[in-house]
Amino acid sequence: MWQPSAAEEAAVQASVTKLGLRLHALIRGVRLIKQRRVNGRPGVPAGMVGMLLAMDELRAGCHARDLTDRTGLDQSTVSRAVAWLVAHWWSGAPTPPTAARPSWR
């Protein structure tokens, strides 16, 4: 079986370290962008920005399941977030209770 040399292992480790630092910088940049968006929209918690963006991308009639898939959050978190957004006039009310599944405008 092939074994990498010490120089190859060192090169891989250096690449992993560089990649980790770049990923950290990217995540920090995303956080700063989200914070700027929040500063432009006072009253919106930073955690809600992603939910609002997902709702905007999905447009009218998106279902909670669509938001769950898009955001990677669990259903109860999405439900609480949407309830907060509706209560604070950031989103339209859910469809009537006669609908098979709730969707938001």
C-alpha atoms as a PDB file:
ATOM      1  CA  MET A   1       0.000   0.000   0.000  1.00  0.00           C
ATOM      2  CA  TRP A   2       1.213   3.488  -0.878  1.00  0.00           C
ATOM      3  CA  GLN A   3       2.369   5.720   1.972  1.00  0.00           C
ATOM      4  CA  PRO A   4       2.822   9.468   1.519  1.00  0.00           C
ATOM      5  CA  SER A   5       6.216  10.907   2.279  1.00  0.00           C
ATOM      6  CA  ALA A   6       6.761  13.294   5.167  1.00  0.00           C
ATOM      7  CA  ALA A   7       7.044  16.177   2.694  1.00  0.00           C
ATOM      8  CA  GLU A   8       3.711  15.243   1.074  1.00  0.00           C
ATOM      9  CA  GLU A   9       2.017  15.012   4.460  1.00  0.00           C
ATOM     10  CA  ALA A  10       3.436  18.392   5.445  1.00  0.00           C
ATOM     11  CA  ALA A  11       2.176  19.921   2.193  1.00  0.00           C
ATOM     12  CA  VAL A  12      -1.302  18.471   2.755  1.00  0.00           C
ATOM     13  CA  GLN A  13      -1.344  19.733   6.344  1.00  0.00           C
ATOM     14  CA  ALA A  14      -0.300  23.210   5.195  1.00  0.00           C
ATOM     15  CA  SER A  15      -3.087  23.185   2.590  1.00  0.00           C
ATOM     16  CA  VAL A  16      -5.616  22.093   5.189  1.00  0.00           C
ATOM     17  CA  THR A  17      -4.518  24.911   7.479  1.00  0.00           C
ATOM     18  CA  LYS A  18      -4.786  27.488   4.658  1.00  0.00           C
ATOM     19  CA  LEU A  19      -8.213  26.155   3.705  1.00  0.00           C
ATOM     20  CA  GLY A  20      -9.359  26.366   7.324  1.00  0.00           C
ATOM     21  CA  LEU A  21      -8.206  29.975   7.576  1.00  0.00           C
ATOM     22  CA  ARG A  22      -9.954  30.885   4.316  1.00  0.00           C
ATOM     23  CA  LEU A  23     -13.149  29.178   5.448  1.00  0.00           C
ATOM     24  CA  HIS A  24     -13.010  31.073   8.732  1.00  0.00           C
ATOM     25  CA  ALA A  25     -12.598  34.360   6.831  1.00  0.00           C
ATOM     26  CA  LEU A  26     -15.524  33.483   4.556  1.00  0.00           C
ATOM     27  CA  ILE A  27     -17.803  32.690   7.490  1.00  0.00           C
ATOM     28  CA  ARG A  28     -16.783  35.932   9.181  1.00  0.00           C
ATOM     29  CA  GLY A  29     -17.532  37.834   5.971  1.00  0.00           C
ATOM     30  CA  VAL A  30     -20.977  36.258   5.703  1.00  0.00           C
ATOM     31  CA  ARG A  31     -21.711  37.231   9.314  1.00  0.00           C
ATOM     32  CA  LEU A  32     -20.668  40.817   8.590  1.00  0.00           C
ATOM     33  CA  ILE A  33     -22.880  40.946   5.496  1.00  0.00           C
ATOM     34  CA  LYS A  34     -25.822  39.613   7.487  1.00  0.00           C
ATOM     35  CA  GLN A  35     -25.160  42.194  10.190  1.00  0.00           C
ATOM     36  CA  ARG A  36     -25.128  45.006   7.624  1.00  0.00           C
ATOM     37  CA  ARG A  37     -28.455  43.801   6.260  1.00  0.00           C
ATOM     38  CA  VAL A  38     -29.871  43.809   9.787  1.00  0.00           C
ATOM     39  CA  ASN A  39     -28.571  47.333  10.419  1.00  0.00           C
ATOM     40  CA  GLY A  40     -30.425  48.427   7.294  1.00  0.00           C
ATOM     41  CA  ARG A  41     -33.598  46.837   8.619  1.00  0.00           C
ATOM     42  CA  PRO A  42     -33.910  47.782  12.288  1.00  0.00           C
ATOM     43  CA  GLY A  43     -36.083  45.483  14.299  1.00  0.00           C
ATOM     44  CA  VAL A  44     -35.085  42.292  12.483  1.00  0.00           C
ATOM     45  CA  PRO A  45     -32.984  39.892  14.557  1.00  0.00           C
ATOM     46  CA  ALA A  46     -29.869  38.687  12.719  1.00  0.00           C
ATOM     47  CA  GLY A  47     -31.138  35.113  12.752  1.00  0.00           C
ATOM     48  CA  MET A  48     -34.253  36.113  10.829  1.00  0.00           C
ATOM     49  CA  VAL A  49     -32.375  37.560   7.865  1.00  0.00           C
ATOM     50  CA  GLY A  50     -31.691  34.112   6.420  1.00  0.00           C
ATOM     51  CA  MET A  51     -35.329  33.131   6.841  1.00  0.00           C
ATOM     52  CA  LEU A  52     -36.498  36.315   5.097  1.00  0.00           C
ATOM     53  CA  LEU A  53     -34.077  35.722   2.238  1.00  0.00           C
ATOM     54  CA  ALA A  54     -35.278  32.117   1.850  1.00  0.00           C
ATOM     55  CA  MET A  55     -38.891  33.277   1.848  1.00  0.00           C
ATOM     56  CA  ASP A  56     -38.071  35.910  -0.762  1.00  0.00           C
ATOM     57  CA  GLU A  57     -36.334  33.347  -2.987  1.00  0.00           C
ATOM     58  CA  LEU A  58     -39.269  30.941  -2.737  1.00  0.00           C
ATOM     59  CA  ARG A  59     -41.774  33.766  -3.321  1.00  0.00           C
ATOM     60  CA  ALA A  60     -45.508  33.611  -2.598  1.00  0.00           C
ATOM     61  CA  GLY A  61     -47.056  30.397  -1.404  1.00  0.00           C
ATOM     62  CA  CYS A  62     -43.931  28.799   0.035  1.00  0.00           C
ATOM     63  CA  HIS A  63     -44.600  26.013   2.505  1.00  0.00           C
ATOM     64  CA  ALA A  64     -42.924  25.514   5.841  1.00  0.00           C
ATOM     65  CA  ARG A  65     -41.376  22.344   4.400  1.00  0.00           C
ATOM     66  CA  ASP A  66     -39.799  24.433   1.604  1.00  0.00           C
ATOM     67  CA  LEU A  67     -38.281  26.756   4.199  1.00  0.00           C
ATOM     68  CA  THR A  68     -37.062  23.780   6.232  1.00  0.00           C
ATOM     69  CA  ASP A  69     -35.337  22.352   3.172  1.00  0.00           C
ATOM     70  CA  ARG A  70     -33.932  25.709   2.052  1.00  0.00           C
ATOM     71  CA  THR A  71     -32.587  26.834   5.443  1.00  0.00           C
ATOM     72  CA  GLY A  72     -31.562  23.470   6.884  1.00  0.00           C
ATOM     73  CA  LEU A  73     -33.453  24.241  10.097  1.00  0.00           C
ATOM     74  CA  ASP A  74     -35.856  21.868  11.817  1.00  0.00           C
ATOM     75  CA  GLN A  75     -39.612  22.318  11.430  1.00  0.00           C
ATOM     76  CA  SER A  76     -40.210  23.695  14.932  1.00  0.00           C
ATOM     77  CA  THR A  77     -37.551  26.383  14.442  1.00  0.00           C
ATOM     78  CA  VAL A  78     -39.040  27.368  11.084  1.00  0.00           C
ATOM     79  CA  SER A  79     -42.510  27.444  12.600  1.00  0.00           C
ATOM     80  CA  ARG A  80     -41.410  29.746  15.440  1.00  0.00           C
ATOM     81  CA  ALA A  81     -39.495  31.991  13.045  1.00  0.00           C
ATOM     82  CA  VAL A  82     -42.442  32.341  10.674  1.00  0.00           C
ATOM     83  CA  ALA A  83     -44.799  33.001  13.588  1.00  0.00           C
ATOM     84  CA  TRP A  84     -42.469  35.781  14.756  1.00  0.00           C
ATOM     85  CA  LEU A  85     -42.257  37.248  11.249  1.00  0.00           C
ATOM     86  CA  VAL A  86     -46.048  37.209  10.842  1.00  0.00           C
ATOM     87  CA  ALA A  87     -46.564  38.736  14.296  1.00  0.00           C
ATOM     88  CA  HIS A  88     -44.138  41.547  13.481  1.00  0.00           C
ATOM     89  CA  TRP A  89     -45.563  42.232  10.006  1.00  0.00           C
ATOM     90  CA  TRP A  90     -42.533  40.936   8.094  1.00  0.00           C
ATOM     91  CA  SER A  91     -44.581  38.291   6.345  1.00  0.00           C
ATOM     92  CA  GLY A  92     -48.185  37.819   5.302  1.00  0.00           C
ATOM     93  CA  ALA A  93     -50.503  35.610   7.292  1.00  0.00           C
ATOM     94  CA  PRO A  94     -50.620  31.883   6.578  1.00  0.00           C
ATOM     95  CA  THR A  95     -53.209  30.569   4.168  1.00  0.00           C
ATOM     96  CA  PRO A  96     -56.669  29.786   5.546  1.00  0.00           C
ATOM     97  CA  PRO A  97     -57.022  26.805   7.918  1.00  0.00           C
ATOM     98  CA  THR A  98     -58.913  24.912   5.209  1.00  0.00           C
ATOM     99  CA  ALA A  99     -55.686  24.598   3.222  1.00  0.00           C
ATOM    100  CA  ALA A 100     -54.007  21.212   3.356  1.00  0.00           C
ATOM    101  CA  ARG A 101     -50.686  22.748   4.336  1.00  0.00           C
ATOM    102  CA  PRO A 102     -49.911  26.250   5.570  1.00  0.00           C
ATOM    103  CA  SER A 103     -47.995  28.520   3.242  1.00  0.00           C
ATOM    104  CA  TRP A 104     -46.868  32.108   3.678  1.00  0.00           C
ATOM    105  CA  ARG A 105     -47.222  35.091   1.380  1.00  0.00           C
END
